[in-house]
Amino acid sequence: MSNLFKRIDTVFLPVKDFDKAIEWYSVVLGFTIRWRDDLSGYAALNIGETPLTLVRKSEEEIHNR
């Protein structure tokens, strides 16, 4: 990594089906849930040094990026 950065804090991944995505990443890939906020639609999963943060988005929001 460059001298400008020391680490990556998280990686955000927009998902259409929040609950299914959490289930898939935790059951199939074995990632543990670091924290989850159902109201805001965010969940951070432990995947090593840098967590994966799932963000609930509608299909329209995902395609209009």
PDB file of N, CA and C in Angstrom:
ATOM      1  N   MET A   1       0.852  -1.180   0.000  1.00  0.00           N
ATOM      2  CA  MET A   1       0.000   0.000   0.000  1.00  0.00           C
ATOM      3  C   MET A   1       0.896   1.240   0.000  1.00  0.00           C
ATOM      4  N   SER A   2       0.404   2.314  -0.557  1.00  0.00           N
ATOM      5  CA  SER A   2       1.200   3.531  -0.669  1.00  0.00           C
ATOM      6  C   SER A   2       1.409   4.181   0.694  1.00  0.00           C
ATOM      7  N   ASN A   3       2.331   5.119   0.745  1.00  0.00           N
ATOM      8  CA  ASN A   3       2.587   5.870   1.976  1.00  0.00           C
ATOM      9  C   ASN A   3       1.425   6.779   2.334  1.00  0.00           C
ATOM     10  N   LEU A   4       0.556   7.045   1.376  1.00  0.00           N
ATOM     11  CA  LEU A   4      -0.588   7.917   1.606  1.00  0.00           C
ATOM     12  C   LEU A   4      -1.639   7.242   2.481  1.00  0.00           C
ATOM     13  N   PHE A   5      -1.759   5.921   2.366  1.00  0.00           N
ATOM     14  CA  PHE A   5      -2.766   5.181   3.113  1.00  0.00           C
ATOM     15  C   PHE A   5      -2.105   4.206   4.071  1.00  0.00           C
ATOM     16  N   LYS A   6      -2.712   4.033   5.244  1.00  0.00           N
ATOM     17  CA  LYS A   6      -2.217   3.062   6.216  1.00  0.00           C
ATOM     18  C   LYS A   6      -3.049   1.788   6.200  1.00  0.00           C
ATOM     19  N   ARG A   7      -4.344   1.927   5.868  1.00  0.00           N
ATOM     20  CA  ARG A   7      -5.220   0.769   5.805  1.00  0.00           C
ATOM     21  C   ARG A   7      -6.524   1.168   5.130  1.00  0.00           C
ATOM     22  N   ILE A   8      -7.300   0.164   4.750  1.00  0.00           N
ATOM     23  CA  ILE A   8      -8.641   0.386   4.225  1.00  0.00           C
ATOM     24  C   ILE A   8      -9.591   0.081   5.370  1.00  0.00           C
ATOM     25  N   ASP A   9     -10.472   1.030   5.699  1.00  0.00           N
ATOM     26  CA  ASP A   9     -11.356   0.890   6.853  1.00  0.00           C
ATOM     27  C   ASP A   9     -12.469  -0.119   6.618  1.00  0.00           C
ATOM     28  N   THR A  10     -13.075  -0.098   5.437  1.00  0.00           N
ATOM     29  CA  THR A  10     -14.140  -1.042   5.112  1.00  0.00           C
ATOM     30  C   THR A  10     -14.360  -1.044   3.608  1.00  0.00           C
ATOM     31  N   VAL A  11     -15.070  -2.037   3.142  1.00  0.00           N
ATOM     32  CA  VAL A  11     -15.489  -2.108   1.748  1.00  0.00           C
ATOM     33  C   VAL A  11     -17.008  -2.174   1.767  1.00  0.00           C
ATOM     34  N   PHE A  12     -17.672  -1.253   1.076  1.00  0.00           N
ATOM     35  CA  PHE A  12     -19.128  -1.211   1.041  1.00  0.00           C
ATOM     36  C   PHE A  12     -19.644  -1.985  -0.163  1.00  0.00           C
ATOM     37  N   LEU A  13     -20.674  -2.777   0.058  1.00  0.00           N
ATOM     38  CA  LEU A  13     -21.288  -3.555  -1.010  1.00  0.00           C
ATOM     39  C   LEU A  13     -22.800  -3.338  -0.961  1.00  0.00           C
ATOM     40  N   PRO A  14     -23.395  -2.695  -1.980  1.00  0.00           N
ATOM     41  CA  PRO A  14     -24.844  -2.520  -2.005  1.00  0.00           C
ATOM     42  C   PRO A  14     -25.530  -3.850  -2.323  1.00  0.00           C
ATOM     43  N   VAL A  15     -26.604  -4.149  -1.580  1.00  0.00           N
ATOM     44  CA  VAL A  15     -27.346  -5.397  -1.785  1.00  0.00           C
ATOM     45  C   VAL A  15     -28.842  -5.110  -1.851  1.00  0.00           C
ATOM     46  N   LYS A  16     -29.542  -5.881  -2.702  1.00  0.00           N
ATOM     47  CA  LYS A  16     -30.997  -5.720  -2.838  1.00  0.00           C
ATOM     48  C   LYS A  16     -31.743  -6.378  -1.682  1.00  0.00           C
ATOM     49  N   ASP A  17     -31.365  -7.590  -1.348  1.00  0.00           N
ATOM     50  CA  ASP A  17     -32.043  -8.334  -0.281  1.00  0.00           C
ATOM     51  C   ASP A  17     -31.094  -8.434   0.907  1.00  0.00           C
ATOM     52  N   PHE A  18     -31.251  -7.506   1.825  1.00  0.00           N
ATOM     53  CA  PHE A  18     -30.352  -7.343   2.965  1.00  0.00           C
ATOM     54  C   PHE A  18     -30.237  -8.626   3.794  1.00  0.00           C
ATOM     55  N   ASP A  19     -31.366  -9.195   4.175  1.00  0.00           N
ATOM     56  CA  ASP A  19     -31.351 -10.397   5.018  1.00  0.00           C
ATOM     57  C   ASP A  19     -30.726 -11.596   4.305  1.00  0.00           C
ATOM     58  N   LYS A  20     -31.079 -11.789   3.048  1.00  0.00           N
ATOM     59  CA  LYS A  20     -30.505 -12.911   2.286  1.00  0.00           C
ATOM     60  C   LYS A  20     -28.997 -12.740   2.099  1.00  0.00           C
ATOM     61  N   ALA A  21     -28.567 -11.526   1.868  1.00  0.00           N
ATOM     62  CA  ALA A  21     -27.136 -11.268   1.679  1.00  0.00           C
ATOM     63  C   ALA A  21     -26.370 -11.579   2.964  1.00  0.00           C
ATOM     64  N   ILE A  22     -26.894 -11.143   4.091  1.00  0.00           N
ATOM     65  CA  ILE A  22     -26.241 -11.432   5.374  1.00  0.00           C
ATOM     66  C   ILE A  22     -26.180 -12.939   5.593  1.00  0.00           C
ATOM     67  N   GLU A  23     -27.281 -13.613   5.326  1.00  0.00           N
ATOM     68  CA  GLU A  23     -27.324 -15.062   5.505  1.00  0.00           C
ATOM     69  C   GLU A  23     -26.301 -15.750   4.592  1.00  0.00           C
ATOM     70  N   TRP A  24     -26.251 -15.348   3.320  1.00  0.00           N
ATOM     71  CA  TRP A  24     -25.338 -15.983   2.370  1.00  0.00           C
ATOM     72  C   TRP A  24     -23.877 -15.787   2.782  1.00  0.00           C
ATOM     73  N   TYR A  25     -23.504 -14.555   3.096  1.00  0.00           N
ATOM     74  CA  TYR A  25     -22.112 -14.285   3.463  1.00  0.00           C
ATOM     75  C   TYR A  25     -21.726 -14.969   4.776  1.00  0.00           C
ATOM     76  N   SER A  26     -22.663 -15.099   5.698  1.00  0.00           N
ATOM     77  CA  SER A  26     -22.325 -15.733   6.973  1.00  0.00           C
ATOM     78  C   SER A  26     -22.400 -17.260   6.906  1.00  0.00           C
ATOM     79  N   VAL A  27     -23.416 -17.823   6.235  1.00  0.00           N
ATOM     80  CA  VAL A  27     -23.567 -19.282   6.173  1.00  0.00           C
ATOM     81  C   VAL A  27     -22.648 -19.899   5.124  1.00  0.00           C
ATOM     82  N   VAL A  28     -22.704 -19.394   3.905  1.00  0.00           N
ATOM     83  CA  VAL A  28     -21.939 -19.993   2.813  1.00  0.00           C
ATOM     84  C   VAL A  28     -20.438 -19.691   2.937  1.00  0.00           C
ATOM     85  N   LEU A  29     -20.097 -18.436   3.199  1.00  0.00           N
ATOM     86  CA  LEU A  29     -18.686 -18.068   3.260  1.00  0.00           C
ATOM     87  C   LEU A  29     -18.107 -18.090   4.674  1.00  0.00           C
ATOM     88  N   GLY A  30     -18.974 -18.184   5.673  1.00  0.00           N
ATOM     89  CA  GLY A  30     -18.507 -18.292   7.055  1.00  0.00           C
ATOM     90  C   GLY A  30     -18.055 -16.999   7.692  1.00  0.00           C
ATOM     91  N   PHE A  31     -18.425 -15.845   7.117  1.00  0.00           N
ATOM     92  CA  PHE A  31     -18.069 -14.563   7.723  1.00  0.00           C
ATOM     93  C   PHE A  31     -18.950 -14.326   8.941  1.00  0.00           C
ATOM     94  N   THR A  32     -18.382 -13.809  10.020  1.00  0.00           N
ATOM     95  CA  THR A  32     -19.162 -13.509  11.211  1.00  0.00           C
ATOM     96  C   THR A  32     -19.643 -12.056  11.169  1.00  0.00           C
ATOM     97  N   ILE A  33     -20.759 -11.811  11.807  1.00  0.00           N
ATOM     98  CA  ILE A  33     -21.330 -10.459  11.835  1.00  0.00           C
ATOM     99  C   ILE A  33     -20.651  -9.654  12.930  1.00  0.00           C
ATOM    100  N   ARG A  34     -20.036  -8.559  12.547  1.00  0.00           N
ATOM    101  CA  ARG A  34     -19.401  -7.649  13.505  1.00  0.00           C
ATOM    102  C   ARG A  34     -20.466  -6.782  14.163  1.00  0.00           C
ATOM    103  N   TRP A  35     -21.343  -6.212  13.365  1.00  0.00           N
ATOM    104  CA  TRP A  35     -22.497  -5.451  13.865  1.00  0.00           C
ATOM    105  C   TRP A  35     -23.524  -5.372  12.751  1.00  0.00           C
ATOM    106  N   ARG A  36     -24.759  -5.116  13.173  1.00  0.00           N
ATOM    107  CA  ARG A  36     -25.873  -5.074  12.233  1.00  0.00           C
ATOM    108  C   ARG A  36     -26.876  -4.025  12.694  1.00  0.00           C
ATOM    109  N   ASP A  37     -27.334  -3.191  11.765  1.00  0.00           N
ATOM    110  CA  ASP A  37     -28.339  -2.170  12.050  1.00  0.00           C
ATOM    111  C   ASP A  37     -29.458  -2.330  11.022  1.00  0.00           C
ATOM    112  N   ASP A  38     -30.507  -3.057  11.406  1.00  0.00           N
ATOM    113  CA  ASP A  38     -31.618  -3.317  10.489  1.00  0.00           C
ATOM    114  C   ASP A  38     -32.368  -2.048  10.111  1.00  0.00           C
ATOM    115  N   LEU A  39     -32.479  -1.111  11.029  1.00  0.00           N
ATOM    116  CA  LEU A  39     -33.208   0.129  10.761  1.00  0.00           C
ATOM    117  C   LEU A  39     -32.526   0.943   9.641  1.00  0.00           C
ATOM    118  N   SER A  40     -31.226   1.083   9.741  1.00  0.00           N
ATOM    119  CA  SER A  40     -30.479   1.856   8.737  1.00  0.00           C
ATOM    120  C   SER A  40     -30.088   1.031   7.518  1.00  0.00           C
ATOM    121  N   GLY A  41     -30.083  -0.292   7.660  1.00  0.00           N
ATOM    122  CA  GLY A  41     -29.742  -1.159   6.536  1.00  0.00           C
ATOM    123  C   GLY A  41     -28.253  -1.319   6.315  1.00  0.00           C
ATOM    124  N   TYR A  42     -27.508  -1.446   7.402  1.00  0.00           N
ATOM    125  CA  TYR A  42     -26.064  -1.666   7.330  1.00  0.00           C
ATOM    126  C   TYR A  42     -25.700  -2.877   8.175  1.00  0.00           C
ATOM    127  N   ALA A  43     -24.742  -3.661   7.685  1.00  0.00           N
ATOM    128  CA  ALA A  43     -24.200  -4.778   8.462  1.00  0.00           C
ATOM    129  C   ALA A  43     -22.737  -4.941   8.094  1.00  0.00           C
ATOM    130  N   ALA A  44     -21.876  -5.012   9.096  1.00  0.00           N
ATOM    131  CA  ALA A  44     -20.452  -5.218   8.871  1.00  0.00           C
ATOM    132  C   ALA A  44     -20.109  -6.664   9.191  1.00  0.00           C
ATOM    133  N   LEU A  45     -19.387  -7.298   8.275  1.00  0.00           N
ATOM    134  CA  LEU A  45     -19.001  -8.691   8.439  1.00  0.00           C
ATOM    135  C   LEU A  45     -17.483  -8.786   8.564  1.00  0.00           C
ATOM    136  N   ASN A  46     -17.044  -9.640   9.469  1.00  0.00           N
ATOM    137  CA  ASN A  46     -15.610  -9.876   9.646  1.00  0.00           C
ATOM    138  C   ASN A  46     -15.121 -10.804   8.551  1.00  0.00           C
ATOM    139  N   ILE A  47     -14.197 -10.291   7.734  1.00  0.00           N
ATOM    140  CA  ILE A  47     -13.620 -11.123   6.679  1.00  0.00           C
ATOM    141  C   ILE A  47     -12.101 -11.071   6.721  1.00  0.00           C
ATOM    142  N   GLY A  48     -11.577 -10.555   7.788  1.00  0.00           N
ATOM    143  CA  GLY A  48     -10.136 -10.374   7.928  1.00  0.00           C
ATOM    144  C   GLY A  48      -9.882  -8.994   8.489  1.00  0.00           C
ATOM    145  N   GLU A  49      -8.783  -8.404   8.096  1.00  0.00           N
ATOM    146  CA  GLU A  49      -8.419  -7.094   8.626  1.00  0.00           C
ATOM    147  C   GLU A  49      -9.412  -6.002   8.209  1.00  0.00           C
ATOM    148  N   THR A  50      -9.942  -6.087   6.988  1.00  0.00           N
ATOM    149  CA  THR A  50     -10.878  -5.089   6.475  1.00  0.00           C
ATOM    150  C   THR A  50     -12.280  -5.688   6.423  1.00  0.00           C
ATOM    151  N   PRO A  51     -13.243  -5.119   7.175  1.00  0.00           N
ATOM    152  CA  PRO A  51     -14.597  -5.677   7.148  1.00  0.00           C
ATOM    153  C   PRO A  51     -15.318  -5.385   5.827  1.00  0.00           C
ATOM    154  N   LEU A  52     -16.303  -6.207   5.548  1.00  0.00           N
ATOM    155  CA  LEU A  52     -17.202  -6.009   4.418  1.00  0.00           C
ATOM    156  C   LEU A  52     -18.487  -5.441   4.977  1.00  0.00           C
ATOM    157  N   THR A  53     -18.903  -4.275   4.508  1.00  0.00           N
ATOM    158  CA  THR A  53     -20.131  -3.642   4.988  1.00  0.00           C
ATOM    159  C   THR A  53     -21.201  -3.753   3.915  1.00  0.00           C
ATOM    160  N   LEU A  54     -22.259  -4.490   4.235  1.00  0.00           N
ATOM    161  CA  LEU A  54     -23.397  -4.622   3.331  1.00  0.00           C
ATOM    162  C   LEU A  54     -24.330  -3.447   3.558  1.00  0.00           C
ATOM    163  N   VAL A  55     -24.808  -2.855   2.471  1.00  0.00           N
ATOM    164  CA  VAL A  55     -25.687  -1.688   2.537  1.00  0.00           C
ATOM    165  C   VAL A  55     -26.952  -2.005   1.767  1.00  0.00           C
ATOM    166  N   ARG A  56     -28.100  -1.929   2.438  1.00  0.00           N
ATOM    167  CA  ARG A  56     -29.382  -2.204   1.785  1.00  0.00           C
ATOM    168  C   ARG A  56     -29.697  -1.088   0.788  1.00  0.00           C
ATOM    169  N   LYS A  57     -29.919  -1.486  -0.456  1.00  0.00           N
ATOM    170  CA  LYS A  57     -30.281  -0.557  -1.530  1.00  0.00           C
ATOM    171  C   LYS A  57     -31.393  -1.180  -2.353  1.00  0.00           C
ATOM    172  N   SER A  58     -32.223  -0.338  -2.931  1.00  0.00           N
ATOM    173  CA  SER A  58     -33.250  -0.850  -3.835  1.00  0.00           C
ATOM    174  C   SER A  58     -32.596  -1.199  -5.166  1.00  0.00           C
ATOM    175  N   GLU A  59     -33.273  -2.005  -5.961  1.00  0.00           N
ATOM    176  CA  GLU A  59     -32.745  -2.364  -7.278  1.00  0.00           C
ATOM    177  C   GLU A  59     -32.519  -1.115  -8.117  1.00  0.00           C
ATOM    178  N   GLU A  60     -33.428  -0.162  -8.017  1.00  0.00           N
ATOM    179  CA  GLU A  60     -33.294   1.086  -8.771  1.00  0.00           C
ATOM    180  C   GLU A  60     -32.043   1.853  -8.351  1.00  0.00           C
ATOM    181  N   GLU A  61     -31.777   1.926  -7.040  1.00  0.00           N
ATOM    182  CA  GLU A  61     -30.578   2.624  -6.561  1.00  0.00           C
ATOM    183  C   GLU A  61     -29.301   1.947  -7.059  1.00  0.00           C
ATOM    184  N   ILE A  62     -29.305   0.638  -7.099  1.00  0.00           N
ATOM    185  CA  ILE A  62     -28.118  -0.097  -7.550  1.00  0.00           C
ATOM    186  C   ILE A  62     -27.858   0.162  -9.025  1.00  0.00           C
ATOM    187  N   HIS A  63     -28.895   0.175  -9.858  1.00  0.00           N
ATOM    188  CA  HIS A  63     -28.731   0.342 -11.301  1.00  0.00           C
ATOM    189  C   HIS A  63     -28.508   1.790 -11.722  1.00  0.00           C
ATOM    190  N   ASN A  64     -28.839   2.748 -10.889  1.00  0.00           N
ATOM    191  CA  ASN A  64     -28.675   4.160 -11.227  1.00  0.00           C
ATOM    192  C   ASN A  64     -27.381   4.750 -10.696  1.00  0.00           C
ATOM    193  N   ARG A  65     -26.417   3.945 -10.363  1.00  0.00           N
ATOM    194  CA  ARG A  65     -25.151   4.445  -9.825  1.00  0.00           C
ATOM    195  C   ARG A  65     -24.289   4.995 -10.905  1.00  0.00           C
TER     196      ARG A  65
END
